[in-house]
Amino acid sequence: MKTTGITRKIDELGRIVLPIELRKQFGIDVKDSLEIYVDGDRIILRKKKDACIFCGKSKGLVEFKDQMVCENCIAELSK
């Protein structure tokens, strides 16, 4: 795991501010959703993706190896 050297304090409501450099690096915009995972003693934030990684459609999605793929693309890949 790589450190950024950036630290932030948690406010009274339990919030932290993600630095703009990290938001730009990971394409996180205002109103985007982040998924929260726990791995041992680590808290992991990941931008929630609700579109097929191949065609961009948002219906009929299936998660495969942490990526979203639509049923049409799955059928096409199966050929």
PDB file of N, CA and C in Angstrom:
ATOM      1  N   MET A   1       0.851  -1.174   0.000  1.00  0.00           N
ATOM      2  CA  MET A   1       0.000   0.000   0.000  1.00  0.00           C
ATOM      3  C   MET A   1       0.895   1.234   0.000  1.00  0.00           C
ATOM      4  N   LYS A   2       0.532   2.216  -0.803  1.00  0.00           N
ATOM      5  CA  LYS A   2       1.319   3.432  -0.957  1.00  0.00           C
ATOM      6  C   LYS A   2       0.742   4.554  -0.097  1.00  0.00           C
ATOM      7  N   THR A   3       1.599   5.263   0.636  1.00  0.00           N
ATOM      8  CA  THR A   3       1.135   6.381   1.444  1.00  0.00           C
ATOM      9  C   THR A   3       1.178   7.668   0.626  1.00  0.00           C
ATOM     10  N   THR A   4       0.243   8.568   0.915  1.00  0.00           N
ATOM     11  CA  THR A   4       0.214   9.856   0.217  1.00  0.00           C
ATOM     12  C   THR A   4       0.902  10.938   1.034  1.00  0.00           C
ATOM     13  N   GLY A   5       1.117  10.690   2.320  1.00  0.00           N
ATOM     14  CA  GLY A   5       1.700  11.698   3.183  1.00  0.00           C
ATOM     15  C   GLY A   5       0.693  12.743   3.636  1.00  0.00           C
ATOM     16  N   ILE A   6      -0.565  12.570   3.257  1.00  0.00           N
ATOM     17  CA  ILE A   6      -1.624  13.506   3.607  1.00  0.00           C
ATOM     18  C   ILE A   6      -2.383  12.949   4.805  1.00  0.00           C
ATOM     19  N   THR A   7      -2.641  13.802   5.789  1.00  0.00           N
ATOM     20  CA  THR A   7      -3.471  13.387   6.921  1.00  0.00           C
ATOM     21  C   THR A   7      -4.643  14.350   7.050  1.00  0.00           C
ATOM     22  N   ARG A   8      -5.744  13.841   7.553  1.00  0.00           N
ATOM     23  CA  ARG A   8      -6.939  14.648   7.791  1.00  0.00           C
ATOM     24  C   ARG A   8      -7.522  14.247   9.137  1.00  0.00           C
ATOM     25  N   LYS A   9      -8.111  15.205   9.836  1.00  0.00           N
ATOM     26  CA  LYS A   9      -8.791  14.926  11.108  1.00  0.00           C
ATOM     27  C   LYS A   9     -10.268  14.663  10.838  1.00  0.00           C
ATOM     28  N   ILE A  10     -10.845  13.830  11.652  1.00  0.00           N
ATOM     29  CA  ILE A  10     -12.275  13.550  11.580  1.00  0.00           C
ATOM     30  C   ILE A  10     -12.998  14.632  12.376  1.00  0.00           C
ATOM     31  N   ASP A  11     -14.059  15.210  11.799  1.00  0.00           N
ATOM     32  CA  ASP A  11     -14.795  16.262  12.511  1.00  0.00           C
ATOM     33  C   ASP A  11     -15.792  15.646  13.501  1.00  0.00           C
ATOM     34  N   GLU A  12     -16.551  16.507  14.163  1.00  0.00           N
ATOM     35  CA  GLU A  12     -17.486  16.069  15.201  1.00  0.00           C
ATOM     36  C   GLU A  12     -18.569  15.128  14.676  1.00  0.00           C
ATOM     37  N   LEU A  13     -18.861  15.198  13.383  1.00  0.00           N
ATOM     38  CA  LEU A  13     -19.886  14.346  12.791  1.00  0.00           C
ATOM     39  C   LEU A  13     -19.301  13.082  12.139  1.00  0.00           C
ATOM     40  N   GLY A  14     -17.986  12.858  12.326  1.00  0.00           N
ATOM     41  CA  GLY A  14     -17.351  11.663  11.775  1.00  0.00           C
ATOM     42  C   GLY A  14     -16.941  11.797  10.325  1.00  0.00           C
ATOM     43  N   ARG A  15     -16.883  13.018   9.805  1.00  0.00           N
ATOM     44  CA  ARG A  15     -16.549  13.240   8.398  1.00  0.00           C
ATOM     45  C   ARG A  15     -15.073  13.557   8.212  1.00  0.00           C
ATOM     46  N   ILE A  16     -14.570  13.216   7.019  1.00  0.00           N
ATOM     47  CA  ILE A  16     -13.239  13.640   6.604  1.00  0.00           C
ATOM     48  C   ILE A  16     -13.371  14.268   5.223  1.00  0.00           C
ATOM     49  N   VAL A  17     -12.403  15.071   4.857  1.00  0.00           N
ATOM     50  CA  VAL A  17     -12.373  15.676   3.526  1.00  0.00           C
ATOM     51  C   VAL A  17     -11.314  14.950   2.708  1.00  0.00           C
ATOM     52  N   LEU A  18     -11.708  14.451   1.533  1.00  0.00           N
ATOM     53  CA  LEU A  18     -10.735  13.832   0.632  1.00  0.00           C
ATOM     54  C   LEU A  18     -10.030  14.939  -0.147  1.00  0.00           C
ATOM     55  N   PRO A  19      -8.704  14.955  -0.149  1.00  0.00           N
ATOM     56  CA  PRO A  19      -7.975  16.002  -0.857  1.00  0.00           C
ATOM     57  C   PRO A  19      -8.321  16.032  -2.349  1.00  0.00           C
ATOM     58  N   ILE A  20      -8.326  17.225  -2.913  1.00  0.00           N
ATOM     59  CA  ILE A  20      -8.683  17.407  -4.331  1.00  0.00           C
ATOM     60  C   ILE A  20      -7.776  16.579  -5.236  1.00  0.00           C
ATOM     61  N   GLU A  21      -6.498  16.434  -4.877  1.00  0.00           N
ATOM     62  CA  GLU A  21      -5.576  15.648  -5.703  1.00  0.00           C
ATOM     63  C   GLU A  21      -6.046  14.200  -5.822  1.00  0.00           C
ATOM     64  N   LEU A  22      -6.520  13.631  -4.712  1.00  0.00           N
ATOM     65  CA  LEU A  22      -7.009  12.249  -4.746  1.00  0.00           C
ATOM     66  C   LEU A  22      -8.328  12.153  -5.502  1.00  0.00           C
ATOM     67  N   ARG A  23      -9.210  13.140  -5.305  1.00  0.00           N
ATOM     68  CA  ARG A  23     -10.489  13.119  -6.024  1.00  0.00           C
ATOM     69  C   ARG A  23     -10.254  13.197  -7.523  1.00  0.00           C
ATOM     70  N   LYS A  24      -9.323  14.039  -7.949  1.00  0.00           N
ATOM     71  CA  LYS A  24      -9.002  14.132  -9.387  1.00  0.00           C
ATOM     72  C   LYS A  24      -8.385  12.840  -9.894  1.00  0.00           C
ATOM     73  N   GLN A  25      -7.455  12.290  -9.140  1.00  0.00           N
ATOM     74  CA  GLN A  25      -6.758  11.064  -9.543  1.00  0.00           C
ATOM     75  C   GLN A  25      -7.724   9.906  -9.756  1.00  0.00           C
ATOM     76  N   PHE A  26      -8.756   9.823  -8.910  1.00  0.00           N
ATOM     77  CA  PHE A  26      -9.690   8.705  -8.984  1.00  0.00           C
ATOM     78  C   PHE A  26     -11.017   9.074  -9.635  1.00  0.00           C
ATOM     79  N   GLY A  27     -11.124  10.277 -10.192  1.00  0.00           N
ATOM     80  CA  GLY A  27     -12.336  10.684 -10.904  1.00  0.00           C
ATOM     81  C   GLY A  27     -13.551  10.779 -10.006  1.00  0.00           C
ATOM     82  N   ILE A  28     -13.361  11.238  -8.775  1.00  0.00           N
ATOM     83  CA  ILE A  28     -14.463  11.358  -7.825  1.00  0.00           C
ATOM     84  C   ILE A  28     -14.985  12.790  -7.869  1.00  0.00           C
ATOM     85  N   ASP A  29     -16.264  12.940  -8.218  1.00  0.00           N
ATOM     86  CA  ASP A  29     -16.890  14.250  -8.336  1.00  0.00           C
ATOM     87  C   ASP A  29     -17.924  14.449  -7.237  1.00  0.00           C
ATOM     88  N   VAL A  30     -18.387  15.676  -7.099  1.00  0.00           N
ATOM     89  CA  VAL A  30     -19.451  15.993  -6.144  1.00  0.00           C
ATOM     90  C   VAL A  30     -20.654  15.102  -6.437  1.00  0.00           C
ATOM     91  N   LYS A  31     -21.262  14.565  -5.410  1.00  0.00           N
ATOM     92  CA  LYS A  31     -22.444  13.694  -5.471  1.00  0.00           C
ATOM     93  C   LYS A  31     -22.139  12.253  -5.892  1.00  0.00           C
ATOM     94  N   ASP A  32     -20.875  11.919  -6.205  1.00  0.00           N
ATOM     95  CA  ASP A  32     -20.532  10.527  -6.498  1.00  0.00           C
ATOM     96  C   ASP A  32     -20.688   9.695  -5.235  1.00  0.00           C
ATOM     97  N   SER A  33     -21.000   8.422  -5.410  1.00  0.00           N
ATOM     98  CA  SER A  33     -21.113   7.507  -4.276  1.00  0.00           C
ATOM     99  C   SER A  33     -19.811   6.743  -4.108  1.00  0.00           C
ATOM    100  N   LEU A  34     -19.434   6.516  -2.853  1.00  0.00           N
ATOM    101  CA  LEU A  34     -18.268   5.710  -2.546  1.00  0.00           C
ATOM    102  C   LEU A  34     -18.715   4.475  -1.783  1.00  0.00           C
ATOM    103  N   GLU A  35     -18.152   3.333  -2.135  1.00  0.00           N
ATOM    104  CA  GLU A  35     -18.403   2.106  -1.396  1.00  0.00           C
ATOM    105  C   GLU A  35     -17.376   2.014  -0.277  1.00  0.00           C
ATOM    106  N   ILE A  36     -17.777   1.508   0.873  1.00  0.00           N
ATOM    107  CA  ILE A  36     -16.897   1.390   2.029  1.00  0.00           C
ATOM    108  C   ILE A  36     -16.711  -0.089   2.344  1.00  0.00           C
ATOM    109  N   TYR A  37     -15.453  -0.515   2.368  1.00  0.00           N
ATOM    110  CA  TYR A  37     -15.111  -1.901   2.665  1.00  0.00           C
ATOM    111  C   TYR A  37     -14.197  -1.939   3.878  1.00  0.00           C
ATOM    112  N   VAL A  38     -14.189  -3.066   4.568  1.00  0.00           N
ATOM    113  CA  VAL A  38     -13.264  -3.290   5.673  1.00  0.00           C
ATOM    114  C   VAL A  38     -12.437  -4.516   5.320  1.00  0.00           C
ATOM    115  N   ASP A  39     -11.117  -4.387   5.445  1.00  0.00           N
ATOM    116  CA  ASP A  39     -10.189  -5.492   5.190  1.00  0.00           C
ATOM    117  C   ASP A  39      -9.240  -5.562   6.375  1.00  0.00           C
ATOM    118  N   GLY A  40      -9.556  -6.433   7.326  1.00  0.00           N
ATOM    119  CA  GLY A  40      -8.763  -6.502   8.551  1.00  0.00           C
ATOM    120  C   GLY A  40      -8.889  -5.197   9.323  1.00  0.00           C
ATOM    121  N   ASP A  41      -7.761  -4.511   9.494  1.00  0.00           N
ATOM    122  CA  ASP A  41      -7.770  -3.241  10.223  1.00  0.00           C
ATOM    123  C   ASP A  41      -7.766  -2.038   9.286  1.00  0.00           C
ATOM    124  N   ARG A  42      -8.137  -2.239   8.015  1.00  0.00           N
ATOM    125  CA  ARG A  42      -8.138  -1.171   7.014  1.00  0.00           C
ATOM    126  C   ARG A  42      -9.552  -0.821   6.585  1.00  0.00           C
ATOM    127  N   ILE A  43      -9.769   0.453   6.342  1.00  0.00           N
ATOM    128  CA  ILE A  43     -11.019   0.936   5.755  1.00  0.00           C
ATOM    129  C   ILE A  43     -10.693   1.321   4.327  1.00  0.00           C
ATOM    130  N   ILE A  44     -11.438   0.769   3.368  1.00  0.00           N
ATOM    131  CA  ILE A  44     -11.172   1.001   1.955  1.00  0.00           C
ATOM    132  C   ILE A  44     -12.359   1.731   1.344  1.00  0.00           C
ATOM    133  N   LEU A  45     -12.084   2.832   0.655  1.00  0.00           N
ATOM    134  CA  LEU A  45     -13.107   3.583  -0.075  1.00  0.00           C
ATOM    135  C   LEU A  45     -12.905   3.321  -1.560  1.00  0.00           C
ATOM    136  N   ARG A  46     -14.009   3.081  -2.262  1.00  0.00           N
ATOM    137  CA  ARG A  46     -13.930   2.859  -3.712  1.00  0.00           C
ATOM    138  C   ARG A  46     -15.111   3.541  -4.374  1.00  0.00           C
ATOM    139  N   LYS A  47     -14.837   4.225  -5.484  1.00  0.00           N
ATOM    140  CA  LYS A  47     -15.911   4.884  -6.221  1.00  0.00           C
ATOM    141  C   LYS A  47     -16.871   3.830  -6.746  1.00  0.00           C
ATOM    142  N   LYS A  48     -18.146   4.037  -6.502  1.00  0.00           N
ATOM    143  CA  LYS A  48     -19.168   3.091  -6.950  1.00  0.00           C
ATOM    144  C   LYS A  48     -19.382   3.261  -8.445  1.00  0.00           C
ATOM    145  N   LYS A  49     -19.319   2.157  -9.154  1.00  0.00           N
ATOM    146  CA  LYS A  49     -19.513   2.169 -10.608  1.00  0.00           C
ATOM    147  C   LYS A  49     -20.815   1.456 -10.925  1.00  0.00           C
ATOM    148  N   ASP A  50     -21.706   2.128 -11.606  1.00  0.00           N
ATOM    149  CA  ASP A  50     -22.998   1.546 -11.966  1.00  0.00           C
ATOM    150  C   ASP A  50     -23.189   1.496 -13.471  1.00  0.00           C
ATOM    151  N   ALA A  51     -22.126   1.124 -14.186  1.00  0.00           N
ATOM    152  CA  ALA A  51     -22.225   1.025 -15.636  1.00  0.00           C
ATOM    153  C   ALA A  51     -21.287  -0.080 -16.120  1.00  0.00           C
ATOM    154  N   CYS A  52     -21.651  -0.693 -17.219  1.00  0.00           N
ATOM    155  CA  CYS A  52     -20.841  -1.749 -17.828  1.00  0.00           C
ATOM    156  C   CYS A  52     -19.487  -1.172 -18.253  1.00  0.00           C
ATOM    157  N   ILE A  53     -18.413  -1.878 -17.923  1.00  0.00           N
ATOM    158  CA  ILE A  53     -17.084  -1.386 -18.277  1.00  0.00           C
ATOM    159  C   ILE A  53     -16.823  -1.452 -19.782  1.00  0.00           C
ATOM    160  N   PHE A  54     -17.626  -2.228 -20.515  1.00  0.00           N
ATOM    161  CA  PHE A  54     -17.423  -2.353 -21.947  1.00  0.00           C
ATOM    162  C   PHE A  54     -18.273  -1.377 -22.759  1.00  0.00           C
ATOM    163  N   CYS A  55     -19.570  -1.309 -22.460  1.00  0.00           N
ATOM    164  CA  CYS A  55     -20.464  -0.502 -23.295  1.00  0.00           C
ATOM    165  C   CYS A  55     -21.056   0.705 -22.573  1.00  0.00           C
ATOM    166  N   GLY A  56     -20.933   0.755 -21.250  1.00  0.00           N
ATOM    167  CA  GLY A  56     -21.439   1.901 -20.502  1.00  0.00           C
ATOM    168  C   GLY A  56     -22.899   1.822 -20.107  1.00  0.00           C
ATOM    169  N   LYS A  57     -23.598   0.751 -20.498  1.00  0.00           N
ATOM    170  CA  LYS A  57     -25.012   0.619 -20.139  1.00  0.00           C
ATOM    171  C   LYS A  57     -25.164   0.402 -18.639  1.00  0.00           C
ATOM    172  N   SER A  58     -26.324   0.803 -18.113  1.00  0.00           N
ATOM    173  CA  SER A  58     -26.527   0.702 -16.670  1.00  0.00           C
ATOM    174  C   SER A  58     -27.625  -0.286 -16.283  1.00  0.00           C
ATOM    175  N   LYS A  59     -28.125  -1.058 -17.232  1.00  0.00           N
ATOM    176  CA  LYS A  59     -29.181  -2.044 -16.929  1.00  0.00           C
ATOM    177  C   LYS A  59     -28.647  -3.458 -17.105  1.00  0.00           C
ATOM    178  N   GLY A  60     -29.166  -4.370 -16.289  1.00  0.00           N
ATOM    179  CA  GLY A  60     -28.788  -5.778 -16.395  1.00  0.00           C
ATOM    180  C   GLY A  60     -27.335  -6.024 -16.028  1.00  0.00           C
ATOM    181  N   LEU A  61     -26.853  -5.368 -14.984  1.00  0.00           N
ATOM    182  CA  LEU A  61     -25.444  -5.467 -14.621  1.00  0.00           C
ATOM    183  C   LEU A  61     -25.161  -6.649 -13.697  1.00  0.00           C
ATOM    184  N   VAL A  62     -23.991  -7.215 -13.872  1.00  0.00           N
ATOM    185  CA  VAL A  62     -23.495  -8.293 -13.030  1.00  0.00           C
ATOM    186  C   VAL A  62     -22.083  -7.901 -12.611  1.00  0.00           C
ATOM    187  N   GLU A  63     -21.754  -8.116 -11.335  1.00  0.00           N
ATOM    188  CA  GLU A  63     -20.393  -7.803 -10.877  1.00  0.00           C
ATOM    189  C   GLU A  63     -19.489  -8.991 -11.143  1.00  0.00           C
ATOM    190  N   PHE A  64     -18.354  -8.726 -11.793  1.00  0.00           N
ATOM    191  CA  PHE A  64     -17.377  -9.762 -12.103  1.00  0.00           C
ATOM    192  C   PHE A  64     -15.990  -9.214 -11.782  1.00  0.00           C
ATOM    193  N   LYS A  65     -15.316  -9.821 -10.818  1.00  0.00           N
ATOM    194  CA  LYS A  65     -13.971  -9.405 -10.398  1.00  0.00           C
ATOM    195  C   LYS A  65     -13.901  -7.904 -10.143  1.00  0.00           C
ATOM    196  N   ASP A  66     -14.830  -7.430  -9.319  1.00  0.00           N
ATOM    197  CA  ASP A  66     -14.909  -6.022  -8.915  1.00  0.00           C
ATOM    198  C   ASP A  66     -15.228  -5.062 -10.061  1.00  0.00           C
ATOM    199  N   GLN A  67     -15.753  -5.563 -11.165  1.00  0.00           N
ATOM    200  CA  GLN A  67     -16.151  -4.722 -12.300  1.00  0.00           C
ATOM    201  C   GLN A  67     -17.599  -5.039 -12.660  1.00  0.00           C
ATOM    202  N   MET A  68     -18.292  -4.053 -13.208  1.00  0.00           N
ATOM    203  CA  MET A  68     -19.674  -4.251 -13.627  1.00  0.00           C
ATOM    204  C   MET A  68     -19.706  -4.554 -15.129  1.00  0.00           C
ATOM    205  N   VAL A  69     -20.438  -5.610 -15.502  1.00  0.00           N
ATOM    206  CA  VAL A  69     -20.575  -6.025 -16.900  1.00  0.00           C
ATOM    207  C   VAL A  69     -22.052  -6.301 -17.147  1.00  0.00           C
ATOM    208  N   CYS A  70     -22.588  -5.809 -18.278  1.00  0.00           N
ATOM    209  CA  CYS A  70     -24.004  -6.032 -18.565  1.00  0.00           C
ATOM    210  C   CYS A  70     -24.209  -7.418 -19.185  1.00  0.00           C
ATOM    211  N   GLU A  71     -25.451  -7.872 -19.134  1.00  0.00           N
ATOM    212  CA  GLU A  71     -25.782  -9.210 -19.639  1.00  0.00           C
ATOM    213  C   GLU A  71     -25.495  -9.337 -21.139  1.00  0.00           C
ATOM    214  N   ASN A  72     -25.713  -8.262 -21.901  1.00  0.00           N
ATOM    215  CA  ASN A  72     -25.442  -8.310 -23.347  1.00  0.00           C
ATOM    216  C   ASN A  72     -23.958  -8.525 -23.626  1.00  0.00           C
ATOM    217  N   CYS A  73     -23.096  -7.819 -22.907  1.00  0.00           N
ATOM    218  CA  CYS A  73     -21.659  -7.977 -23.109  1.00  0.00           C
ATOM    219  C   CYS A  73     -21.181  -9.349 -22.642  1.00  0.00           C
ATOM    220  N   ILE A  74     -21.793  -9.871 -21.578  1.00  0.00           N
ATOM    221  CA  ILE A  74     -21.449 -11.230 -21.118  1.00  0.00           C
ATOM    222  C   ILE A  74     -21.778 -12.231 -22.203  1.00  0.00           C
ATOM    223  N   ALA A  75     -22.955 -12.087 -22.818  1.00  0.00           N
ATOM    224  CA  ALA A  75     -23.359 -13.008 -23.898  1.00  0.00           C
ATOM    225  C   ALA A  75     -22.407 -12.888 -25.084  1.00  0.00           C
ATOM    226  N   GLU A  76     -22.013 -11.674 -25.418  1.00  0.00           N
ATOM    227  CA  GLU A  76     -21.107 -11.472 -26.544  1.00  0.00           C
ATOM    228  C   GLU A  76     -19.723 -12.044 -26.255  1.00  0.00           C
ATOM    229  N   LEU A  77     -19.258 -11.897 -25.017  1.00  0.00           N
ATOM    230  CA  LEU A  77     -17.954 -12.440 -24.637  1.00  0.00           C
ATOM    231  C   LEU A  77     -17.982 -13.973 -24.614  1.00  0.00           C
ATOM    232  N   SER A  78     -19.144 -14.561 -24.395  1.00  0.00           N
ATOM    233  CA  SER A  78     -19.269 -16.017 -24.307  1.00  0.00           C
ATOM    234  C   SER A  78     -19.207 -16.694 -25.664  1.00  0.00           C
ATOM    235  N   LYS A  79     -19.360 -15.936 -26.738  1.00  0.00           N
ATOM    236  CA  LYS A  79     -19.373 -16.531 -28.091  1.00  0.00           C
ATOM    237  C   LYS A  79     -18.025 -17.044 -28.496  1.00  0.00           C
TER     238      LYS A  79
END
